[in-house]
Structure formats: C-alpha cells, structure tokens
Amino acid sequence: MSLGAPVGVGPFEAERPRLLGIAYRVVGTFADAEDVVQEVWLRWQAADQAAIERPAAWLTTVTSRAALDRLRAQQRRREEYVGPWLPEPIRVDAPGPEEAAELAESLTLGFLAVLERLEPVERVVFLLADVFGEPFAGIAIAVDRSEVACRQIASRARKRVRDERRARPSPHDQDIVAELVAAVGAGDVDRTIGLLDPDVVLTSDGGPRHRAARNPVVTAPRVARFLVNLVRRTPVGTEVHQALVNGHAAIVIGSLHEPRFAVVFETRPGAVTAIDIVVNPDKLGHLAEPVRHV
C-alpha cells in the first residue's frame, strides 16, 4: 500500500515506482510496463483530480486494467512467438530492508515464468492481493469481478504458484554459479554435470530473429554439453560480466550497454536448478542501468 506522497511530490509521481512494479509483473516486459504507466499518466492528466478521493487507489485500478489489456494483447502475439518466451530480464538495485521478501521474490524470472501459466485475470488478482497487499474490494473494481470471485481466484492462483515454486526453488547462490561458469569456461563437462541438479532445465529465448534452442534442454548431461558447446562457439575475447538480474546471479555476455545475451541462474544449496538464456535483443535493453524500486 502507498505510504503517502513526500512533500512537494504529486500523487502520480509518488506512486509511479509502484505502478511500474505492478505493470512489469503483470506484462513481463519492462518496455510494455513503461507504456502502461505512460498511458495511466495521460489518463491521470485528463481526469478531474480534485474529485478523486483516493488517488493511490485510483491509479492502482487504472494501472491494473491497462496492464491486463496489454497482457491479453501480448498473449495473442505470444501464440505466434518462435520458441520459448521468457520475461524481459532487468538489473534491479538491491531491495532495502523495508521491502517485503515477497516483493523481491516476485521479480525473479522463475516467479514471472510461473505467472505466465496463470490466466490474465488470475495473474492480476494474485499479484494485487498477495504481492502488493491490495484489499479485495479494490481488486474487484480493477478486474470487474465480485469480491467473492476475486477471493476464489486468488486462492486458486496461490495454490498453483505455491506448487510450481516448490518444484523450482530459487535462493541466490553466487558461489555455485561462479563454480559452474568456471567449469563451463574450462570445457569440463564432468565438473559441469556435478554442479547441476539432475533435473535442471535450460530455457533459451531467441525470439524470431536469433538462433536459440526451440525447446527446453533438460537433465544435467544434456545441459552441460549445451553450455560447453555454447562457450566454444563464443569468440575469444568476448566480454563477460557478472550481474544480479531479477534477483538471481547472472552473467551478461558482451558489453552491458550492448549485451549479446544474458544467462540467469536459479539454485538450491550445492546445485544449479534452472538456467534461462535471453538472446532476443528486444529484451536486453534494460540491462545497461539498474532499475530502482520496482
């Protein structure tokens, strides 16, 4: 919930980081989220602001509706998307101690990938209720459903998300990732296998114009060989940067300002459980500068 606008800051600017956070989690791409918030700003400018009793609630409702519309339009495009679709990776400044753990967890690519399996209304209801702590009365207005229906939707979505996340744990472990990167760089397939969970899943998103694995690569031996072969095809001298992407340990291949692709890792103690590789250049534009307070 909003903590109130700082002195001298208007309601929209005070809420803007939160609105952007809602939109990004709903639509999964930062550029679309920025478009949603820009649309909300235009509506705010055109509204009779003096007549709006609770600006934060009004802005949340309008943002949720606009993001829901954008998500529905996106899903029609994603049906024709070439290969797997992954959320857009972003570098996020480390959250402050006042931010809830749920808010940070909801930025991870694994969490966003789980949200992709929810229906659009389910996704919005779950995020507003469980991540942003909105009351069901306001959520009902945002998605044009009854409060009772929203509670039922949230309960179903909560169970689906909980079950999916149990299957894909995601603590942050930079050390195991560094070991894996070193093993892959050395071409040591056996050592690489030993650092991967036996059921590890590697997903590549190349989009329509760039080559990537058209289906997820599964099991440690297959993923290990894929990674070692990928490094062998990478030109000598290519820049490699460690980064924290969506809360996970990651590496960015190429300049941070002109990345070629990003590799994001999920881990459990002692092993890497999932690897997401984003090659689609349309999704790499927000790796240059960290995003604050999303």
Protein backbone atom coordinates (compact mmCIF):
# COMPACT_ATOMS: atom_id res chain seq x y z
CA MET A 1 0.00 0.00 0.00
CA SER A 2 1.09 3.57 -0.53
CA LEU A 3 2.88 5.29 2.36
CA GLY A 4 1.80 8.72 1.16
CA ALA A 5 3.42 11.25 -1.11
CA PRO A 6 6.57 13.08 0.04
CA VAL A 7 6.19 16.82 0.48
CA GLY A 8 6.20 18.56 -2.90
CA VAL A 9 5.64 15.36 -4.91
CA GLY A 10 2.33 14.86 -6.69
CA PRO A 11 0.25 11.68 -6.26
CA PHE A 12 1.23 10.21 -9.62
CA GLU A 13 4.98 10.67 -9.15
CA ALA A 14 4.75 9.32 -5.62
CA GLU A 15 3.02 6.19 -6.89
CA ARG A 16 4.93 5.80 -10.15
CA PRO A 17 7.54 3.23 -8.94
CA ARG A 18 4.77 1.08 -7.51
CA LEU A 19 2.65 1.38 -10.65
CA LEU A 20 5.65 0.38 -12.76
CA GLY A 21 6.23 -2.58 -10.47
CA ILE A 22 2.64 -3.75 -10.87
CA ALA A 23 2.72 -3.32 -14.64
CA TYR A 24 6.06 -5.13 -15.08
CA ARG A 25 4.93 -8.13 -13.06
CA VAL A 26 1.67 -8.32 -15.00
CA VAL A 27 3.02 -7.96 -18.54
CA GLY A 28 6.53 -9.42 -18.07
CA THR A 29 8.35 -6.85 -20.24
CA PHE A 30 9.70 -3.56 -18.97
CA ALA A 31 9.08 -1.63 -22.18
CA ASP A 32 5.41 -2.60 -22.14
CA ALA A 33 5.22 -1.74 -18.44
CA GLU A 34 6.59 1.73 -19.16
CA ASP A 35 3.98 2.15 -21.91
CA VAL A 36 1.24 1.14 -19.47
CA VAL A 37 2.39 3.69 -16.89
CA GLN A 38 2.62 6.39 -19.57
CA GLU A 39 -0.97 5.60 -20.55
CA VAL A 40 -2.01 5.89 -16.90
CA TRP A 41 -0.25 9.26 -16.63
CA LEU A 42 -2.23 10.54 -19.63
CA ARG A 43 -5.47 9.37 -18.05
CA TRP A 44 -4.46 11.00 -14.76
CA GLN A 45 -3.78 14.30 -16.52
CA ALA A 46 -7.19 14.15 -18.21
CA ALA A 47 -9.07 13.25 -15.02
CA ASP A 48 -10.75 15.61 -12.57
CA GLN A 49 -8.05 15.06 -9.96
CA ALA A 50 -9.78 17.16 -7.31
CA ALA A 51 -12.73 14.77 -7.42
CA ILE A 52 -10.59 11.67 -6.82
CA GLU A 53 -10.75 10.95 -3.09
CA ARG A 54 -8.04 8.27 -3.03
CA PRO A 55 -5.52 8.92 -5.81
CA ALA A 56 -3.34 5.89 -4.98
CA ALA A 57 -6.29 3.51 -5.23
CA TRP A 58 -7.49 5.18 -8.45
CA LEU A 59 -4.04 4.90 -10.02
CA THR A 60 -3.70 1.26 -8.97
CA THR A 61 -7.05 0.41 -10.53
CA VAL A 62 -6.31 2.17 -13.80
CA THR A 63 -2.83 0.62 -13.99
CA SER A 64 -4.19 -2.86 -13.31
CA ARG A 65 -6.81 -2.52 -16.03
CA ALA A 66 -4.35 -1.13 -18.56
CA ALA A 67 -1.81 -3.86 -17.77
CA LEU A 68 -4.49 -6.53 -18.05
CA ASP A 69 -5.47 -5.24 -21.50
CA ARG A 70 -1.82 -5.18 -22.56
CA LEU A 71 -1.28 -8.74 -21.28
CA ARG A 72 -4.27 -10.03 -23.24
CA ALA A 73 -2.92 -8.41 -26.41
CA GLN A 74 0.53 -9.84 -25.70
CA GLN A 75 -0.79 -13.35 -25.28
CA ARG A 76 -2.28 -13.28 -28.75
CA ARG A 77 1.17 -12.34 -30.09
CA ARG A 78 2.90 -14.97 -27.97
CA GLU A 79 0.86 -17.71 -29.62
CA GLU A 80 2.92 -16.96 -32.76
CA TYR A 81 6.23 -16.42 -30.92
CA VAL A 82 9.15 -18.51 -32.22
CA GLY A 83 10.49 -20.79 -29.49
CA PRO A 84 10.09 -20.37 -25.71
CA TRP A 85 9.05 -16.98 -24.33
CA LEU A 86 10.87 -15.65 -21.26
CA PRO A 87 10.16 -12.45 -19.31
CA GLU A 88 12.41 -9.48 -20.03
CA PRO A 89 15.44 -9.52 -17.68
CA ILE A 90 16.28 -6.37 -15.74
CA ARG A 91 19.01 -5.42 -13.30
CA VAL A 92 17.39 -4.25 -10.09
CA ASP A 93 19.06 -2.37 -7.26
CA ALA A 94 19.17 -4.47 -4.11
CA PRO A 95 15.91 -4.00 -2.15
CA GLY A 96 16.06 -2.07 1.08
CA PRO A 97 15.27 -3.71 4.44
CA GLU A 98 11.84 -2.10 4.46
CA GLU A 99 10.77 -4.01 1.35
CA ALA A 100 8.90 -7.27 1.85
CA ALA A 101 10.57 -10.52 0.77
CA GLU A 102 7.50 -11.28 -1.36
CA LEU A 103 8.16 -8.16 -3.41
CA ALA A 104 11.74 -9.20 -4.21
CA GLU A 105 10.79 -12.82 -4.91
CA SER A 106 8.08 -11.69 -7.31
CA LEU A 107 10.75 -10.11 -9.56
CA THR A 108 12.66 -13.34 -10.21
CA LEU A 109 12.43 -14.81 -13.70
CA GLY A 110 11.31 -18.10 -12.17
CA PHE A 111 8.41 -16.42 -10.41
CA LEU A 112 7.45 -14.44 -13.52
CA ALA A 113 7.63 -17.64 -15.57
CA VAL A 114 5.20 -19.28 -13.15
CA LEU A 115 2.84 -16.30 -13.54
CA GLU A 116 2.85 -16.96 -17.30
CA ARG A 117 0.89 -20.14 -16.60
CA LEU A 118 -1.94 -18.21 -14.98
CA GLU A 119 -4.87 -16.76 -16.89
CA PRO A 120 -4.65 -12.94 -17.22
CA VAL A 121 -7.27 -12.17 -14.57
CA GLU A 122 -5.75 -14.77 -12.23
CA ARG A 123 -2.36 -13.12 -12.64
CA VAL A 124 -3.64 -9.62 -11.83
CA VAL A 125 -5.72 -10.76 -8.87
CA PHE A 126 -2.89 -12.81 -7.38
CA LEU A 127 -0.31 -10.03 -7.77
CA LEU A 128 -2.55 -7.34 -6.32
CA ALA A 129 -3.64 -9.50 -3.37
CA ASP A 130 -0.52 -11.45 -2.45
CA VAL A 131 2.36 -9.25 -3.64
CA PHE A 132 1.02 -5.71 -3.32
CA GLY A 133 -1.44 -6.26 -0.47
CA GLU A 134 -4.41 -4.59 -2.12
CA PRO A 135 -7.84 -5.09 -0.50
CA PHE A 136 -10.23 -7.33 -2.40
CA ALA A 137 -12.74 -4.51 -2.68
CA GLY A 138 -10.28 -2.59 -4.84
CA ILE A 139 -9.18 -5.67 -6.76
CA ALA A 140 -12.79 -6.43 -7.64
CA ILE A 141 -13.15 -2.99 -9.24
CA ALA A 142 -9.88 -3.39 -11.15
CA VAL A 143 -10.82 -6.71 -12.78
CA ASP A 144 -14.61 -6.20 -12.88
CA ARG A 145 -15.42 -9.24 -10.73
CA SER A 146 -17.13 -9.62 -7.37
CA GLU A 147 -15.11 -9.66 -4.16
CA VAL A 148 -16.15 -13.28 -3.58
CA ALA A 149 -14.99 -14.26 -7.06
CA CYS A 150 -11.68 -12.45 -6.54
CA ARG A 151 -11.05 -14.31 -3.29
CA GLN A 152 -11.70 -17.61 -5.04
CA ILE A 153 -9.46 -16.64 -7.96
CA ALA A 154 -6.68 -15.61 -5.57
CA SER A 155 -6.97 -18.89 -3.66
CA ARG A 156 -6.68 -20.99 -6.83
CA ALA A 157 -3.79 -18.91 -8.18
CA ARG A 158 -1.99 -19.02 -4.82
CA LYS A 159 -2.07 -22.82 -4.81
CA ARG A 160 -0.81 -23.04 -8.40
CA VAL A 161 2.03 -20.63 -7.72
CA ARG A 162 2.97 -22.39 -4.47
CA ASP A 163 3.05 -25.81 -6.17
CA GLU A 164 5.12 -24.51 -9.09
CA ARG A 165 7.62 -22.71 -6.87
CA ARG A 166 8.15 -25.83 -4.77
CA ALA A 167 9.26 -27.53 -7.97
CA ARG A 168 11.58 -24.63 -8.86
CA PRO A 169 13.36 -23.29 -5.75
CA SER A 170 15.29 -20.09 -6.23
CA PRO A 171 17.68 -18.99 -3.48
CA HIS A 172 20.52 -16.74 -4.58
CA ASP A 173 23.90 -18.55 -4.55
CA GLN A 174 26.66 -16.64 -6.32
CA ASP A 175 29.35 -19.14 -5.30
CA ILE A 176 27.82 -22.17 -7.02
CA VAL A 177 27.20 -20.06 -10.12
CA ALA A 178 30.83 -18.91 -10.17
CA GLU A 179 31.96 -22.55 -9.94
CA LEU A 180 29.66 -23.51 -12.79
CA VAL A 181 30.84 -20.66 -15.01
CA ALA A 182 34.47 -21.65 -14.38
CA ALA A 183 33.77 -25.31 -15.20
CA VAL A 184 31.93 -24.42 -18.40
CA GLY A 185 34.67 -21.98 -19.41
CA ALA A 186 37.28 -24.71 -18.94
CA GLY A 187 35.25 -27.11 -21.09
CA ASP A 188 34.99 -29.55 -18.15
CA VAL A 189 31.76 -31.43 -18.92
CA ASP A 190 32.03 -33.81 -15.94
CA ARG A 191 32.58 -31.00 -13.46
CA THR A 192 29.72 -29.05 -15.02
CA ILE A 193 27.39 -32.03 -14.63
CA GLY A 194 28.37 -32.29 -10.97
CA LEU A 195 27.30 -28.69 -10.34
CA LEU A 196 23.88 -29.10 -11.98
CA ASP A 197 20.74 -30.52 -10.44
CA PRO A 198 19.98 -33.85 -12.16
CA ASP A 199 16.66 -32.42 -13.38
CA VAL A 200 18.00 -28.99 -14.36
CA VAL A 201 16.06 -27.18 -17.10
CA LEU A 202 17.67 -24.73 -19.54
CA THR A 203 15.37 -22.43 -21.50
CA SER A 204 16.51 -20.18 -24.35
CA ASP A 205 14.56 -17.21 -25.72
CA GLY A 206 15.93 -16.05 -29.06
CA GLY A 207 12.77 -14.52 -30.48
CA PRO A 208 12.02 -14.56 -34.21
CA ARG A 209 15.42 -13.35 -35.46
CA HIS A 210 18.06 -15.11 -33.37
CA ARG A 211 19.00 -18.74 -33.11
CA ALA A 212 18.26 -20.46 -29.80
CA ALA A 213 17.12 -23.86 -28.59
CA ARG A 214 13.50 -24.17 -29.70
CA ASN A 215 12.67 -26.47 -26.78
CA PRO A 216 13.92 -26.55 -23.19
CA VAL A 217 17.04 -28.62 -22.61
CA VAL A 218 16.60 -30.97 -19.64
CA THR A 219 18.82 -33.16 -17.41
CA ALA A 220 22.35 -32.37 -16.27
CA PRO A 221 24.31 -34.18 -19.02
CA ARG A 222 22.40 -32.52 -21.85
CA VAL A 223 22.54 -29.06 -20.26
CA ALA A 224 26.26 -29.44 -19.54
CA ARG A 225 27.05 -30.32 -23.15
CA PHE A 226 24.84 -27.47 -24.40
CA LEU A 227 26.67 -24.92 -22.21
CA VAL A 228 30.16 -26.14 -23.10
CA ASN A 229 29.32 -26.09 -26.81
CA LEU A 230 27.85 -22.61 -26.45
CA VAL A 231 31.10 -21.32 -24.91
CA ARG A 232 33.17 -22.98 -27.63
CA ARG A 233 31.19 -21.05 -30.25
CA THR A 234 31.67 -17.74 -28.43
CA PRO A 235 34.50 -15.64 -29.94
CA VAL A 236 37.69 -15.38 -27.89
CA GLY A 237 37.88 -12.07 -26.01
CA THR A 238 34.10 -11.66 -25.63
CA GLU A 239 33.26 -9.61 -22.54
CA VAL A 240 31.60 -11.47 -19.66
CA HIS A 241 30.05 -9.52 -16.77
CA GLN A 242 28.66 -10.88 -13.51
CA ALA A 243 25.36 -9.28 -12.62
CA LEU A 244 22.33 -9.58 -10.39
CA VAL A 245 19.38 -9.95 -12.76
CA ASN A 246 15.84 -10.11 -11.38
CA GLY A 247 17.31 -11.08 -8.04
CA HIS A 248 19.35 -14.00 -9.42
CA ALA A 249 23.04 -14.48 -10.05
CA ALA A 250 23.63 -13.99 -13.77
CA ILE A 251 26.21 -13.29 -16.41
CA VAL A 252 25.85 -10.85 -19.28
CA ILE A 253 27.77 -11.74 -22.44
CA GLY A 254 29.03 -8.68 -24.30
CA SER A 255 29.08 -5.08 -23.14
CA LEU A 256 26.49 -4.12 -20.56
CA HIS A 257 25.48 -1.34 -22.93
CA GLU A 258 25.33 -3.71 -25.91
CA PRO A 259 24.72 -7.18 -24.46
CA ARG A 260 24.64 -10.19 -26.78
CA PHE A 261 22.71 -12.32 -24.33
CA ALA A 262 22.05 -12.82 -20.63
CA VAL A 263 22.25 -16.06 -18.67
CA VAL A 264 20.25 -16.19 -15.42
CA PHE A 265 20.69 -18.99 -12.87
CA GLU A 266 18.43 -20.44 -10.20
CA THR A 267 19.97 -22.56 -7.47
CA ARG A 268 19.43 -24.78 -4.49
CA PRO A 269 22.24 -25.48 -1.99
CA GLY A 270 25.04 -27.07 -3.96
CA ALA A 271 23.50 -27.12 -7.42
CA VAL A 272 22.04 -25.02 -10.22
CA THR A 273 18.40 -25.97 -10.81
CA ALA A 274 17.39 -23.78 -13.76
CA ILE A 275 19.09 -21.65 -16.40
CA ASP A 276 17.36 -19.04 -18.54
CA ILE A 277 19.19 -17.62 -21.56
CA VAL A 278 17.75 -14.49 -23.18
CA VAL A 279 19.15 -13.83 -26.66
CA ASN A 280 16.28 -11.80 -28.12
CA PRO A 281 17.76 -8.27 -28.47
CA ASP A 282 14.33 -6.71 -27.92
CA LYS A 283 14.55 -7.93 -24.31
CA LEU A 284 18.09 -6.85 -23.45
CA GLY A 285 17.70 -3.09 -23.41
CA HIS A 286 17.23 -2.74 -19.64
CA LEU A 287 20.46 -4.44 -18.57
CA ALA A 288 22.61 -1.32 -19.03
CA GLU A 289 21.34 0.56 -15.97
CA PRO A 290 19.78 -0.89 -12.82
CA VAL A 291 16.07 -0.23 -12.32
CA ARG A 292 15.24 1.27 -8.93
CA HIS A 293 12.28 0.47 -6.70
CA VAL A 294 10.27 -1.77 -9.00
